[in-house]
PDB file of all heavy atoms in Angstrom:
ATOM      1  N   GLU A   1      -0.411 -20.464-176.851  1.00  0.00           N
ATOM      2  CA  GLU A   1       0.553 -19.525-177.590  1.00  0.00           C
ATOM      3  C   GLU A   1      -0.181 -18.652-178.580  1.00  0.00           C
ATOM      4  O   GLU A   1       0.195 -17.535-178.845  1.00  0.00           O
ATOM      5  CB  GLU A   1       1.548 -20.318-178.295  1.00  0.00           C
ATOM      6  CG  GLU A   1       2.554 -21.235-177.421  1.00  0.00           C
ATOM      7  CD  GLU A   1       1.835 -22.530-177.161  1.00  0.00           C
ATOM      8  OE1 GLU A   1       1.248 -23.205-178.225  1.00  0.00           O
ATOM      9  OE2 GLU A   1       1.982 -23.120-176.067  1.00  0.00           O
ATOM     10  N   ASN A   2      -1.049 -19.241-179.232  1.00  0.00           N
ATOM     11  CA  ASN A   2      -1.731 -18.423-180.412  1.00  0.00           C
ATOM     12  C   ASN A   2      -3.040 -17.703-179.987  1.00  0.00           C
ATOM     13  O   ASN A   2      -3.664 -17.222-180.908  1.00  0.00           O
ATOM     14  CB  ASN A   2      -2.047 -19.412-181.568  1.00  0.00           C
ATOM     15  CG  ASN A   2      -0.806 -20.071-182.144  1.00  0.00           C
ATOM     16  OD1 ASN A   2       0.194 -19.512-182.273  1.00  0.00           O
ATOM     17  ND2 ASN A   2      -0.967 -21.318-182.547  1.00  0.00           N
ATOM     18  N   MET A   3      -3.273 -17.520-178.685  1.00  0.00           N
ATOM     19  CA  MET A   3      -4.493 -16.912-178.320  1.00  0.00           C
ATOM     20  C   MET A   3      -4.252 -15.411-178.155  1.00  0.00           C
ATOM     21  O   MET A   3      -3.214 -14.909-177.574  1.00  0.00           O
ATOM     22  CB  MET A   3      -4.949 -17.505-176.942  1.00  0.00           C
ATOM     23  CG  MET A   3      -6.364 -16.979-176.589  1.00  0.00           C
ATOM     24  SD  MET A   3      -7.001 -17.776-175.143  1.00  0.00           S
ATOM     25  CE  MET A   3      -6.152 -16.908-173.848  1.00  0.00           C
ATOM     26  N   LYS A   4      -5.170 -14.570-178.607  1.00  0.00           N
ATOM     27  CA  LYS A   4      -4.996 -13.129-178.525  1.00  0.00           C
ATOM     28  C   LYS A   4      -5.222 -12.823-177.100  1.00  0.00           C
ATOM     29  O   LYS A   4      -6.180 -13.254-176.439  1.00  0.00           O
ATOM     30  CB  LYS A   4      -6.013 -12.489-179.484  1.00  0.00           C
ATOM     31  CG  LYS A   4      -5.771 -12.659-180.898  1.00  0.00           C
ATOM     32  CD  LYS A   4      -6.724 -12.016-181.745  1.00  0.00           C
ATOM     33  CE  LYS A   4      -6.393 -12.330-183.270  1.00  0.00           C
ATOM     34  NZ  LYS A   4      -7.384 -11.813-184.153  1.00  0.00           N
ATOM     35  N   PRO A   5      -4.418 -11.820-176.550  1.00  0.00           N
ATOM     36  CA  PRO A   5      -4.493 -11.536-175.114  1.00  0.00           C
ATOM     37  C   PRO A   5      -5.919 -10.947-174.617  1.00  0.00           C
ATOM     38  O   PRO A   5      -6.352 -11.186-173.531  1.00  0.00           O
ATOM     39  CB  PRO A   5      -3.418 -10.299-174.984  1.00  0.00           C
ATOM     40  CG  PRO A   5      -2.539 -10.540-176.051  1.00  0.00           C
ATOM     41  CD  PRO A   5      -3.376 -11.159-177.187  1.00  0.00           C
ATOM     42  N   TRP A   6      -6.623 -10.260-175.575  1.00  0.00           N
ATOM     43  CA  TRP A   6      -7.948  -9.810-175.118  1.00  0.00           C
ATOM     44  C   TRP A   6      -8.945 -10.756-174.879  1.00  0.00           C
ATOM     45  O   TRP A   6      -9.987 -10.510-174.264  1.00  0.00           O
ATOM     46  CB  TRP A   6      -8.336  -8.636-176.065  1.00  0.00           C
ATOM     47  CG  TRP A   6      -8.545  -8.931-177.403  1.00  0.00           C
ATOM     48  CD1 TRP A   6      -7.516  -8.999-178.474  1.00  0.00           C
ATOM     49  CD2 TRP A   6      -9.742  -9.317-178.146  1.00  0.00           C
ATOM     50  NE1 TRP A   6      -7.988  -9.419-179.734  1.00  0.00           N
ATOM     51  CE2 TRP A   6      -9.446  -9.489-179.420  1.00  0.00           C
ATOM     52  CE3 TRP A   6     -11.087  -9.397-177.781  1.00  0.00           C
ATOM     53  CZ2 TRP A   6     -10.352  -9.869-180.523  1.00  0.00           C
ATOM     54  CZ3 TRP A   6     -11.961  -9.765-178.765  1.00  0.00           C
ATOM     55  CH2 TRP A   6     -11.687  -9.947-180.107  1.00  0.00           C
ATOM     56  N   TYR A   7      -8.740 -12.003-175.391  1.00  0.00           N
ATOM     57  CA  TYR A   7      -9.618 -13.218-175.093  1.00  0.00           C
ATOM     58  C   TYR A   7      -9.574 -13.539-173.627  1.00  0.00           C
ATOM     59  O   TYR A   7     -10.553 -14.273-173.101  1.00  0.00           O
ATOM     60  CB  TYR A   7      -9.296 -14.361-175.947  1.00  0.00           C
ATOM     61  CG  TYR A   7      -9.630 -14.239-177.431  1.00  0.00           C
ATOM     62  CD1 TYR A   7      -8.847 -14.824-178.386  1.00  0.00           C
ATOM     63  CD2 TYR A   7     -10.747 -13.476-177.863  1.00  0.00           C
ATOM     64  CE1 TYR A   7      -9.103 -14.692-179.648  1.00  0.00           C
ATOM     65  CE2 TYR A   7     -10.961 -13.294-179.186  1.00  0.00           C
ATOM     66  CZ  TYR A   7     -10.261 -13.950-180.155  1.00  0.00           C
ATOM     67  OH  TYR A   7     -10.513 -13.731-181.398  1.00  0.00           O
ATOM     68  N   TRP A   8      -8.563 -13.111-172.887  1.00  0.00           N
ATOM     69  CA  TRP A   8      -8.462 -13.418-171.477  1.00  0.00           C
ATOM     70  C   TRP A   8      -9.543 -12.721-170.635  1.00  0.00           C
ATOM     71  O   TRP A   8      -9.881 -13.169-169.477  1.00  0.00           O
ATOM     72  CB  TRP A   8      -7.122 -13.091-170.985  1.00  0.00           C
ATOM     73  CG  TRP A   8      -5.961 -13.992-171.385  1.00  0.00           C
ATOM     74  CD1 TRP A   8      -5.427 -13.957-172.593  1.00  0.00           C
ATOM     75  CD2 TRP A   8      -5.444 -15.061-170.619  1.00  0.00           C
ATOM     76  NE1 TRP A   8      -4.470 -14.936-172.625  1.00  0.00           N
ATOM     77  CE2 TRP A   8      -4.527 -15.646-171.384  1.00  0.00           C
ATOM     78  CE3 TRP A   8      -5.817 -15.605-169.354  1.00  0.00           C
ATOM     79  CZ2 TRP A   8      -3.770 -16.840-170.973  1.00  0.00           C
ATOM     80  CZ3 TRP A   8      -4.967 -16.593-168.891  1.00  0.00           C
ATOM     81  CH2 TRP A   8      -3.966 -17.279-169.781  1.00  0.00           C
ATOM     82  N   PHE A   9     -10.225 -11.697-171.214  1.00  0.00           N
ATOM     83  CA  PHE A   9     -11.256 -11.009-170.524  1.00  0.00           C
ATOM     84  C   PHE A   9     -12.578 -11.947-170.337  1.00  0.00           C
ATOM     85  O   PHE A   9     -13.483 -11.553-169.591  1.00  0.00           O
ATOM     86  CB  PHE A   9     -11.645  -9.728-171.230  1.00  0.00           C
ATOM     87  CG  PHE A   9     -10.628  -8.641-171.130  1.00  0.00           C
ATOM     88  CD1 PHE A   9      -9.770  -8.420-172.194  1.00  0.00           C
ATOM     89  CD2 PHE A   9     -10.452  -7.992-169.943  1.00  0.00           C
ATOM     90  CE1 PHE A   9      -8.858  -7.354-172.072  1.00  0.00           C
ATOM     91  CE2 PHE A   9      -9.304  -6.996-169.800  1.00  0.00           C
ATOM     92  CZ  PHE A   9      -8.636  -6.630-170.975  1.00  0.00           C
ATOM     93  N   SER A  10     -12.441 -13.054-170.964  1.00  0.00           N
ATOM     94  CA  SER A  10     -13.598 -13.966-170.883  1.00  0.00           C
ATOM     95  C   SER A  10     -14.006 -14.312-169.377  1.00  0.00           C
ATOM     96  O   SER A  10     -15.125 -14.373-169.098  1.00  0.00           O
ATOM     97  CB  SER A  10     -13.377 -15.175-171.666  1.00  0.00           C
ATOM     98  OG  SER A  10     -14.416 -16.175-171.447  1.00  0.00           O
ATOM     99  N   GLY A  11     -13.068 -14.554-168.581  1.00  0.00           N
ATOM    100  CA  GLY A  11     -13.308 -14.795-167.110  1.00  0.00           C
ATOM    101  C   GLY A  11     -14.039 -13.741-166.436  1.00  0.00           C
ATOM    102  O   GLY A  11     -14.902 -13.889-165.670  1.00  0.00           O
ATOM    103  N   GLY A  12     -13.641 -12.445-166.707  1.00  0.00           N
ATOM    104  CA  GLY A  12     -14.402 -11.268-166.132  1.00  0.00           C
ATOM    105  C   GLY A  12     -15.734 -11.108-166.666  1.00  0.00           C
ATOM    106  O   GLY A  12     -16.687 -10.801-165.985  1.00  0.00           O
ATOM    107  N   ILE A  13     -15.972 -11.387-167.933  1.00  0.00           N
ATOM    108  CA  ILE A  13     -17.329 -11.473-168.549  1.00  0.00           C
ATOM    109  C   ILE A  13     -18.055 -12.433-167.754  1.00  0.00           C
ATOM    110  O   ILE A  13     -19.301 -12.168-167.491  1.00  0.00           O
ATOM    111  CB  ILE A  13     -17.149 -11.814-170.088  1.00  0.00           C
ATOM    112  CG1 ILE A  13     -16.527 -10.492-170.739  1.00  0.00           C
ATOM    113  CG2 ILE A  13     -18.598 -11.880-170.670  1.00  0.00           C
ATOM    114  CD1 ILE A  13     -16.266 -10.779-172.121  1.00  0.00           C
ATOM    115  N   GLY A  14     -17.563 -13.645-167.396  1.00  0.00           N
ATOM    116  CA  GLY A  14     -18.284 -14.725-166.757  1.00  0.00           C
ATOM    117  C   GLY A  14     -18.746 -14.172-165.362  1.00  0.00           C
ATOM    118  O   GLY A  14     -19.875 -14.537-164.949  1.00  0.00           O
ATOM    119  N   VAL A  15     -18.009 -13.350-164.723  1.00  0.00           N
ATOM    120  CA  VAL A  15     -18.375 -12.723-163.425  1.00  0.00           C
ATOM    121  C   VAL A  15     -19.662 -11.841-163.639  1.00  0.00           C
ATOM    122  O   VAL A  15     -20.607 -11.972-162.973  1.00  0.00           O
ATOM    123  CB  VAL A  15     -17.308 -11.932-162.818  1.00  0.00           C
ATOM    124  CG1 VAL A  15     -17.803 -11.125-161.643  1.00  0.00           C
ATOM    125  CG2 VAL A  15     -16.112 -12.705-162.298  1.00  0.00           C
ATOM    126  N   GLY A  16     -19.674 -11.099-164.738  1.00  0.00           N
ATOM    127  CA  GLY A  16     -20.784 -10.213-165.089  1.00  0.00           C
ATOM    128  C   GLY A  16     -22.036 -11.186-165.372  1.00  0.00           C
ATOM    129  O   GLY A  16     -23.167 -10.780-164.937  1.00  0.00           O
ATOM    130  N   VAL A  17     -21.852 -12.252-166.099  1.00  0.00           N
ATOM    131  CA  VAL A  17     -22.914 -13.053-166.511  1.00  0.00           C
ATOM    132  C   VAL A  17     -23.621 -13.710-165.226  1.00  0.00           C
ATOM    133  O   VAL A  17     -24.862 -13.522-165.024  1.00  0.00           O
ATOM    134  CB  VAL A  17     -22.489 -14.232-167.383  1.00  0.00           C
ATOM    135  CG1 VAL A  17     -23.593 -15.400-167.558  1.00  0.00           C
ATOM    136  CG2 VAL A  17     -21.958 -13.779-168.743  1.00  0.00           C
ATOM    137  N   VAL A  18     -22.841 -14.163-164.263  1.00  0.00           N
ATOM    138  CA  VAL A  18     -23.317 -14.959-163.138  1.00  0.00           C
ATOM    139  C   VAL A  18     -24.073 -13.789-162.204  1.00  0.00           C
ATOM    140  O   VAL A  18     -25.156 -14.026-161.721  1.00  0.00           O
ATOM    141  CB  VAL A  18     -22.355 -15.707-162.394  1.00  0.00           C
ATOM    142  CG1 VAL A  18     -22.872 -16.160-161.135  1.00  0.00           C
ATOM    143  CG2 VAL A  18     -21.785 -16.772-163.186  1.00  0.00           C
ATOM    144  N   ILE A  19     -23.356 -12.666-161.951  1.00  0.00           N
ATOM    145  CA  ILE A  19     -23.912 -11.651-161.111  1.00  0.00           C
ATOM    146  C   ILE A  19     -25.242 -11.066-161.606  1.00  0.00           C
ATOM    147  O   ILE A  19     -26.262 -11.002-160.899  1.00  0.00           O
ATOM    148  CB  ILE A  19     -22.954 -10.634-160.668  1.00  0.00           C
ATOM    149  CG1 ILE A  19     -23.458  -9.895-159.459  1.00  0.00           C
ATOM    150  CG2 ILE A  19     -22.606  -9.632-161.687  1.00  0.00           C
ATOM    151  CD1 ILE A  19     -23.373 -10.518-158.185  1.00  0.00           C
ATOM    152  N   CYS A  20     -25.340 -10.777-162.953  1.00  0.00           N
ATOM    153  CA  CYS A  20     -26.361 -10.239-163.474  1.00  0.00           C
ATOM    154  C   CYS A  20     -27.634 -11.237-163.543  1.00  0.00           C
ATOM    155  O   CYS A  20     -28.754 -10.937-163.316  1.00  0.00           O
ATOM    156  CB  CYS A  20     -26.204  -9.678-164.978  1.00  0.00           C
ATOM    157  SG  CYS A  20     -25.110  -8.279-165.008  1.00  0.00           S
ATOM    158  N   LEU A  21     -27.264 -12.461-163.938  1.00  0.00           N
ATOM    159  CA  LEU A  21     -28.256 -13.545-163.854  1.00  0.00           C
ATOM    160  C   LEU A  21     -28.829 -13.710-162.569  1.00  0.00           C
ATOM    161  O   LEU A  21     -30.108 -13.939-162.290  1.00  0.00           O
ATOM    162  CB  LEU A  21     -27.693 -14.893-164.472  1.00  0.00           C
ATOM    163  CG  LEU A  21     -28.004 -14.903-166.039  1.00  0.00           C
ATOM    164  CD1 LEU A  21     -27.220 -16.166-166.586  1.00  0.00           C
ATOM    165  CD2 LEU A  21     -29.439 -15.065-166.426  1.00  0.00           C
ATOM    166  N   THR A  22     -28.061 -13.901-161.556  1.00  0.00           N
ATOM    167  CA  THR A  22     -28.435 -14.048-160.163  1.00  0.00           C
ATOM    168  C   THR A  22     -29.391 -13.027-159.704  1.00  0.00           C
ATOM    169  O   THR A  22     -30.595 -13.308-159.127  1.00  0.00           O
ATOM    170  CB  THR A  22     -27.253 -14.114-159.176  1.00  0.00           C
ATOM    171  OG1 THR A  22     -26.332 -15.228-159.646  1.00  0.00           O
ATOM    172  CG2 THR A  22     -27.639 -14.546-157.811  1.00  0.00           C
ATOM    173  N   LEU A  23     -29.004 -11.694-159.923  1.00  0.00           N
ATOM    174  CA  LEU A  23     -29.967 -10.620-159.521  1.00  0.00           C
ATOM    175  C   LEU A  23     -31.179 -10.641-160.409  1.00  0.00           C
ATOM    176  O   LEU A  23     -32.178 -10.312-159.854  1.00  0.00           O
ATOM    177  CB  LEU A  23     -29.173  -9.306-159.676  1.00  0.00           C
ATOM    178  CG  LEU A  23     -27.900  -9.151-158.636  1.00  0.00           C
ATOM    179  CD1 LEU A  23     -27.079  -7.898-158.887  1.00  0.00           C
ATOM    180  CD2 LEU A  23     -28.400  -9.232-157.212  1.00  0.00           C
ATOM    181  N   GLY A  24     -30.942 -10.856-161.673  1.00  0.00           N
ATOM    182  CA  GLY A  24     -32.167 -10.742-162.642  1.00  0.00           C
ATOM    183  C   GLY A  24     -33.234 -11.821-162.347  1.00  0.00           C
ATOM    184  O   GLY A  24     -34.413 -11.623-162.294  1.00  0.00           O
ATOM    185  N   LEU A  25     -32.685 -13.037-161.932  1.00  0.00           N
ATOM    186  CA  LEU A  25     -33.617 -14.098-161.566  1.00  0.00           C
ATOM    187  C   LEU A  25     -34.458 -13.805-160.333  1.00  0.00           C
ATOM    188  O   LEU A  25     -35.582 -13.999-160.133  1.00  0.00           O
ATOM    189  CB  LEU A  25     -32.833 -15.349-161.308  1.00  0.00           C
ATOM    190  CG  LEU A  25     -32.393 -16.157-162.493  1.00  0.00           C
ATOM    191  CD1 LEU A  25     -31.430 -17.242-162.148  1.00  0.00           C
ATOM    192  CD2 LEU A  25     -33.659 -16.790-163.169  1.00  0.00           C
ATOM    193  N   ARG A  26     -33.725 -13.148-159.423  1.00  0.00           N
ATOM    194  CA  ARG A  26     -34.374 -12.751-158.129  1.00  0.00           C
ATOM    195  C   ARG A  26     -35.424 -11.724-158.413  1.00  0.00           C
ATOM    196  O   ARG A  26     -36.545 -11.729-157.749  1.00  0.00           O
ATOM    197  CB  ARG A  26     -33.353 -12.175-157.163  1.00  0.00           C
ATOM    198  CG  ARG A  26     -34.049 -12.027-155.725  1.00  0.00           C
ATOM    199  CD  ARG A  26     -33.088 -11.478-154.680  1.00  0.00           C
ATOM    200  NE  ARG A  26     -31.760 -11.900-154.735  1.00  0.00           N
ATOM    201  CZ  ARG A  26     -30.739 -11.134-154.303  1.00  0.00           C
ATOM    202  NH1 ARG A  26     -31.028  -9.903-153.759  1.00  0.00           N
ATOM    203  NH2 ARG A  26     -29.509 -11.546-154.349  1.00  0.00           N
ATOM    204  N   LEU A  27     -35.171 -10.711-159.303  1.00  0.00           N
ATOM    205  CA  LEU A  27     -36.103  -9.712-159.581  1.00  0.00           C
ATOM    206  C   LEU A  27     -37.345 -10.061-160.509  1.00  0.00           C
ATOM    207  O   LEU A  27     -38.496  -9.524-160.329  1.00  0.00           O
ATOM    208  CB  LEU A  27     -35.414  -8.463-160.195  1.00  0.00           C
ATOM    209  CG  LEU A  27     -34.478  -7.676-159.269  1.00  0.00           C
ATOM    210  CD1 LEU A  27     -33.663  -6.737-159.967  1.00  0.00           C
ATOM    211  CD2 LEU A  27     -35.324  -7.067-158.025  1.00  0.00           C
ATOM    212  N   LEU A  28     -36.993 -10.958-161.440  1.00  0.00           N
ATOM    213  CA  LEU A  28     -37.896 -11.263-162.512  1.00  0.00           C
ATOM    214  C   LEU A  28     -38.455 -12.669-162.509  1.00  0.00           C
ATOM    215  O   LEU A  28     -39.534 -12.892-163.144  1.00  0.00           O
ATOM    216  CB  LEU A  28     -37.271 -11.021-163.947  1.00  0.00           C
ATOM    217  CG  LEU A  28     -36.760  -9.553-164.243  1.00  0.00           C
ATOM    218  CD1 LEU A  28     -35.982  -9.675-165.521  1.00  0.00           C
ATOM    219  CD2 LEU A  28     -37.874  -8.560-164.205  1.00  0.00           C
ATOM    220  N   GLY A  29     -37.880 -13.582-161.796  1.00  0.00           N
ATOM    221  CA  GLY A  29     -38.225 -15.026-161.853  1.00  0.00           C
ATOM    222  C   GLY A  29     -37.549 -15.584-162.923  1.00  0.00           C
ATOM    223  O   GLY A  29     -37.092 -14.947-163.860  1.00  0.00           O
ATOM    224  N   PRO A  30     -37.341 -16.993-162.867  1.00  0.00           N
ATOM    225  CA  PRO A  30     -36.464 -17.815-163.819  1.00  0.00           C
ATOM    226  C   PRO A  30     -36.880 -17.659-165.300  1.00  0.00           C
ATOM    227  O   PRO A  30     -36.106 -17.334-166.251  1.00  0.00           O
ATOM    228  CB  PRO A  30     -36.623 -19.241-163.309  1.00  0.00           C
ATOM    229  CG  PRO A  30     -36.903 -18.976-161.868  1.00  0.00           C
ATOM    230  CD  PRO A  30     -37.841 -17.876-161.776  1.00  0.00           C
ATOM    231  N   THR A  31     -38.299 -17.877-165.579  1.00  0.00           N
ATOM    232  CA  THR A  31     -38.684 -17.925-166.896  1.00  0.00           C
ATOM    233  C   THR A  31     -38.570 -16.582-167.721  1.00  0.00           C
ATOM    234  O   THR A  31     -38.004 -16.500-168.777  1.00  0.00           O
ATOM    235  CB  THR A  31     -40.101 -18.409-167.022  1.00  0.00           C
ATOM    236  OG1 THR A  31     -40.271 -19.570-166.357  1.00  0.00           O
ATOM    237  CG2 THR A  31     -40.494 -18.591-168.528  1.00  0.00           C
ATOM    238  N   TYR A  32     -38.881 -15.594-167.063  1.00  0.00           N
ATOM    239  CA  TYR A  32     -38.898 -14.197-167.658  1.00  0.00           C
ATOM    240  C   TYR A  32     -37.498 -13.742-167.784  1.00  0.00           C
ATOM    241  O   TYR A  32     -37.001 -13.303-168.837  1.00  0.00           O
ATOM    242  CB  TYR A  32     -39.756 -13.275-166.723  1.00  0.00           C
ATOM    243  CG  TYR A  32     -39.923 -11.857-167.426  1.00  0.00           C
ATOM    244  CD1 TYR A  32     -40.302 -11.818-168.813  1.00  0.00           C
ATOM    245  CD2 TYR A  32     -39.831 -10.793-166.726  1.00  0.00           C
ATOM    246  CE1 TYR A  32     -40.458 -10.550-169.378  1.00  0.00           C
ATOM    247  CE2 TYR A  32     -40.044  -9.503-167.311  1.00  0.00           C
ATOM    248  CZ  TYR A  32     -40.315  -9.367-168.630  1.00  0.00           C
ATOM    249  OH  TYR A  32     -40.565  -8.093-169.158  1.00  0.00           O
ATOM    250  N   ALA A  33     -36.643 -13.938-166.815  1.00  0.00           N
ATOM    251  CA  ALA A  33     -35.184 -13.610-166.836  1.00  0.00           C
ATOM    252  C   ALA A  33     -34.522 -14.257-167.897  1.00  0.00           C
ATOM    253  O   ALA A  33     -33.780 -13.762-168.719  1.00  0.00           O
ATOM    254  CB  ALA A  33     -34.590 -13.804-165.489  1.00  0.00           C
ATOM    255  N   ILE A  34     -34.598 -15.579-167.950  1.00  0.00           N
ATOM    256  CA  ILE A  34     -33.998 -16.375-169.027  1.00  0.00           C
ATOM    257  C   ILE A  34     -34.486 -16.010-170.436  1.00  0.00           C
ATOM    258  O   ILE A  34     -33.700 -16.042-171.280  1.00  0.00           O
ATOM    259  CB  ILE A  34     -34.146 -17.915-168.741  1.00  0.00           C
ATOM    260  CG1 ILE A  34     -33.526 -18.361-167.485  1.00  0.00           C
ATOM    261  CG2 ILE A  34     -33.623 -18.772-169.830  1.00  0.00           C
ATOM    262  CD1 ILE A  34     -31.965 -18.026-167.344  1.00  0.00           C
ATOM    263  N   SER A  35     -35.736 -15.728-170.517  1.00  0.00           N
ATOM    264  CA  SER A  35     -36.248 -15.351-171.818  1.00  0.00           C
ATOM    265  C   SER A  35     -35.559 -14.061-172.309  1.00  0.00           C
ATOM    266  O   SER A  35     -35.229 -13.970-173.386  1.00  0.00           O
ATOM    267  CB  SER A  35     -37.807 -15.100-171.798  1.00  0.00           C
ATOM    268  OG  SER A  35     -38.438 -16.248-171.407  1.00  0.00           O
ATOM    269  N   ILE A  36     -35.446 -13.142-171.462  1.00  0.00           N
ATOM    270  CA  ILE A  36     -34.786 -11.929-171.828  1.00  0.00           C
ATOM    271  C   ILE A  36     -33.239 -12.154-172.076  1.00  0.00           C
ATOM    272  O   ILE A  36     -32.670 -11.581-173.076  1.00  0.00           O
ATOM    273  CB  ILE A  36     -34.915 -10.819-170.702  1.00  0.00           C
ATOM    274  CG1 ILE A  36     -36.323 -10.410-170.644  1.00  0.00           C
ATOM    275  CG2 ILE A  36     -33.993  -9.618-170.987  1.00  0.00           C
ATOM    276  CD1 ILE A  36     -36.644  -9.623-169.377  1.00  0.00           C
ATOM    277  N   VAL A  37     -32.637 -12.976-171.385  1.00  0.00           N
ATOM    278  CA  VAL A  37     -31.297 -13.391-171.649  1.00  0.00           C
ATOM    279  C   VAL A  37     -31.110 -14.047-173.015  1.00  0.00           C
ATOM    280  O   VAL A  37     -30.212 -13.673-173.837  1.00  0.00           O
ATOM    281  CB  VAL A  37     -30.698 -14.374-170.513  1.00  0.00           C
ATOM    282  CG1 VAL A  37     -29.407 -15.092-170.988  1.00  0.00           C
ATOM    283  CG2 VAL A  37     -30.557 -13.694-169.190  1.00  0.00           C
ATOM    284  N   LEU A  38     -32.095 -14.887-173.369  1.00  0.00           N
ATOM    285  CA  LEU A  38     -32.057 -15.490-174.679  1.00  0.00           C
ATOM    286  C   LEU A  38     -32.143 -14.463-175.808  1.00  0.00           C
ATOM    287  O   LEU A  38     -31.572 -14.522-176.808  1.00  0.00           O
ATOM    288  CB  LEU A  38     -33.073 -16.586-174.866  1.00  0.00           C
ATOM    289  CG  LEU A  38     -33.015 -17.757-173.993  1.00  0.00           C
ATOM    290  CD1 LEU A  38     -34.156 -18.780-174.105  1.00  0.00           C
ATOM    291  CD2 LEU A  38     -31.608 -18.504-174.296  1.00  0.00           C
ATOM    292  N   ILE A  39     -33.115 -13.532-175.602  1.00  0.00           N
ATOM    293  CA  ILE A  39     -33.279 -12.391-176.665  1.00  0.00           C
ATOM    294  C   ILE A  39     -32.046 -11.679-176.752  1.00  0.00           C
ATOM    295  O   ILE A  39     -31.455 -11.446-177.852  1.00  0.00           O
ATOM    296  CB  ILE A  39     -34.436 -11.454-176.317  1.00  0.00           C
ATOM    297  CG1 ILE A  39     -35.752 -12.156-176.362  1.00  0.00           C
ATOM    298  CG2 ILE A  39     -34.314 -10.193-177.117  1.00  0.00           C
ATOM    299  CD1 ILE A  39     -36.986 -11.274-175.733  1.00  0.00           C
TER     300      ILE A  39
END
């Protein structure tokens, strides 16, 4: 009830996270890609 409607976009952001990480890992390798994600 008390949640702001724009917080619902979190699921769509999750799609962006997974697709970008999947492609980034393939192009850069796990350590380098995750390092950039952390930055």
